[in-house]
Protein backbone atom coordinates (compact mmCIF):
# COMPACT_ATOMS: atom_id res chain seq x y z
CA MET A 1 -27.40 -8.89 -32.56
CA GLU A 2 -26.92 -11.30 -35.44
CA LEU A 3 -26.63 -14.22 -33.01
CA ALA A 4 -29.70 -13.11 -31.08
CA LEU A 5 -31.84 -12.69 -34.17
CA THR A 6 -30.72 -15.73 -36.15
CA GLY A 7 -29.83 -18.28 -33.50
CA ASP A 8 -26.94 -19.32 -35.75
CA VAL A 9 -24.12 -21.35 -34.27
CA ILE A 10 -20.67 -19.87 -34.81
CA ASP A 11 -17.29 -21.52 -34.50
CA ALA A 12 -14.56 -20.52 -32.07
CA ARG A 13 -12.55 -18.62 -34.70
CA THR A 14 -15.59 -16.46 -35.54
CA ALA A 15 -16.22 -15.83 -31.84
CA LEU A 16 -12.61 -14.67 -31.54
CA ASP A 17 -12.87 -12.48 -34.64
CA TRP A 18 -16.06 -10.88 -33.29
CA GLY A 19 -14.47 -10.22 -29.90
CA LEU A 20 -16.78 -12.58 -28.02
CA VAL A 21 -13.88 -14.56 -26.54
CA ASN A 22 -10.33 -13.56 -25.59
CA ARG A 23 -8.53 -16.66 -26.77
CA VAL A 24 -9.09 -19.87 -28.72
CA VAL A 25 -7.08 -23.01 -28.02
CA PRO A 26 -7.20 -26.55 -29.40
CA ASP A 27 -9.26 -29.01 -27.35
CA ASP A 28 -6.17 -30.83 -26.11
CA GLN A 29 -4.76 -27.57 -24.70
CA LEU A 30 -7.94 -26.35 -22.98
CA ASP A 31 -7.16 -27.67 -19.48
CA THR A 32 -3.67 -26.14 -19.56
CA ALA A 33 -5.04 -22.81 -20.84
CA VAL A 34 -7.69 -22.73 -18.09
CA GLU A 35 -5.10 -23.57 -15.41
CA ASP A 36 -2.83 -20.80 -16.72
CA LEU A 37 -5.64 -18.24 -16.73
CA MET A 38 -6.76 -19.21 -13.23
CA ALA A 39 -3.20 -19.00 -11.90
CA ARG A 40 -2.86 -15.48 -13.29
CA ALA A 41 -6.35 -14.38 -12.27
CA THR A 42 -6.01 -15.59 -8.68
CA ARG A 43 -2.50 -14.36 -7.89
CA GLY A 44 -2.22 -11.40 -5.58
CA SER A 45 -4.42 -9.97 -2.91
CA ARG A 46 -8.11 -10.90 -3.00
CA ALA A 47 -9.00 -7.57 -1.38
CA SER A 48 -7.23 -5.54 -4.06
CA LYS A 49 -8.75 -7.69 -6.83
CA ALA A 50 -12.24 -7.14 -5.42
CA TRP A 51 -11.66 -3.41 -5.15
CA GLY A 52 -10.25 -3.30 -8.67
CA LYS A 53 -13.21 -5.19 -10.08
CA GLN A 54 -15.70 -2.88 -8.36
CA THR A 55 -13.82 0.16 -9.63
CA MET A 56 -13.65 -1.16 -13.19
CA TYR A 57 -17.41 -1.68 -13.32
CA ALA A 58 -18.01 1.73 -11.72
CA GLN A 59 -15.96 3.39 -14.49
CA LEU A 60 -17.70 1.84 -17.48
CA ASP A 61 -20.37 4.50 -17.97
CA ARG A 62 -18.36 7.49 -16.80
CA PRO A 63 -16.70 10.09 -18.99
CA GLU A 64 -13.03 9.28 -19.58
CA ARG A 65 -11.67 12.08 -17.37
CA ASP A 66 -13.93 11.06 -14.48
CA ALA A 67 -13.03 7.39 -14.93
CA TYR A 68 -9.30 8.21 -14.78
CA SER A 69 -9.77 10.38 -11.69
CA THR A 70 -11.60 7.55 -9.97
CA ALA A 71 -8.88 5.06 -10.95
CA VAL A 72 -6.11 7.31 -9.61
CA GLU A 73 -7.90 7.75 -6.28
CA VAL A 74 -8.54 4.03 -5.90
CA MET A 75 -4.98 3.07 -6.87
CA ALA A 76 -3.54 5.55 -4.37
CA ALA A 77 -5.80 4.23 -1.60
CA ALA A 78 -5.13 0.61 -2.59
CA SER A 79 -1.38 1.16 -2.37
CA GLN A 80 -1.85 1.54 1.38
CA LEU A 81 -3.50 -1.86 1.87
CA ASP A 82 -1.47 -4.51 3.68
CA GLY A 83 -1.47 -6.68 0.56
CA ALA A 84 -0.11 -3.87 -1.58
CA ARG A 85 2.64 -3.19 0.90
CA GLU A 86 3.52 -6.90 0.98
CA GLY A 87 3.55 -7.03 -2.82
CA MET A 88 5.87 -4.04 -3.06
CA ALA A 89 8.16 -5.41 -0.35
CA ALA A 90 8.29 -8.82 -2.04
CA PHE A 91 9.16 -7.20 -5.36
CA LEU A 92 11.93 -5.10 -3.83
CA GLU A 93 13.27 -8.07 -1.87
CA LYS A 94 13.04 -10.32 -4.94
CA ARG A 95 10.91 -12.95 -3.19
CA PRO A 96 7.42 -14.39 -3.64
CA ALA A 97 4.73 -12.41 -1.86
CA ALA A 98 3.07 -13.96 1.19
CA TRP A 99 -0.57 -12.90 0.88
CA SER A 100 -2.53 -12.89 4.12
CA ASP A 101 -6.09 -12.51 2.82
């Protein structure tokens, strides 16, 4: 609210302290940090990521017990997707997963 009402500019450290950003890196490390985040954010099955994202947003305004029930149902159903099965098999076989979607 302070930013909205004052229009003040804040520095990166303040944004981090206020919880507006997850991480702050020096300018010369920004490209590497972005590449690292993108590598982690894009690994795995696109279908399961999409389902997870939809479920997360659906849970935000629900009571905690309801949100957990929804998460358990979705995780159980997601474990049956081809990508989930491939991920589990790859883990057990100690090999990189071969995602098909």
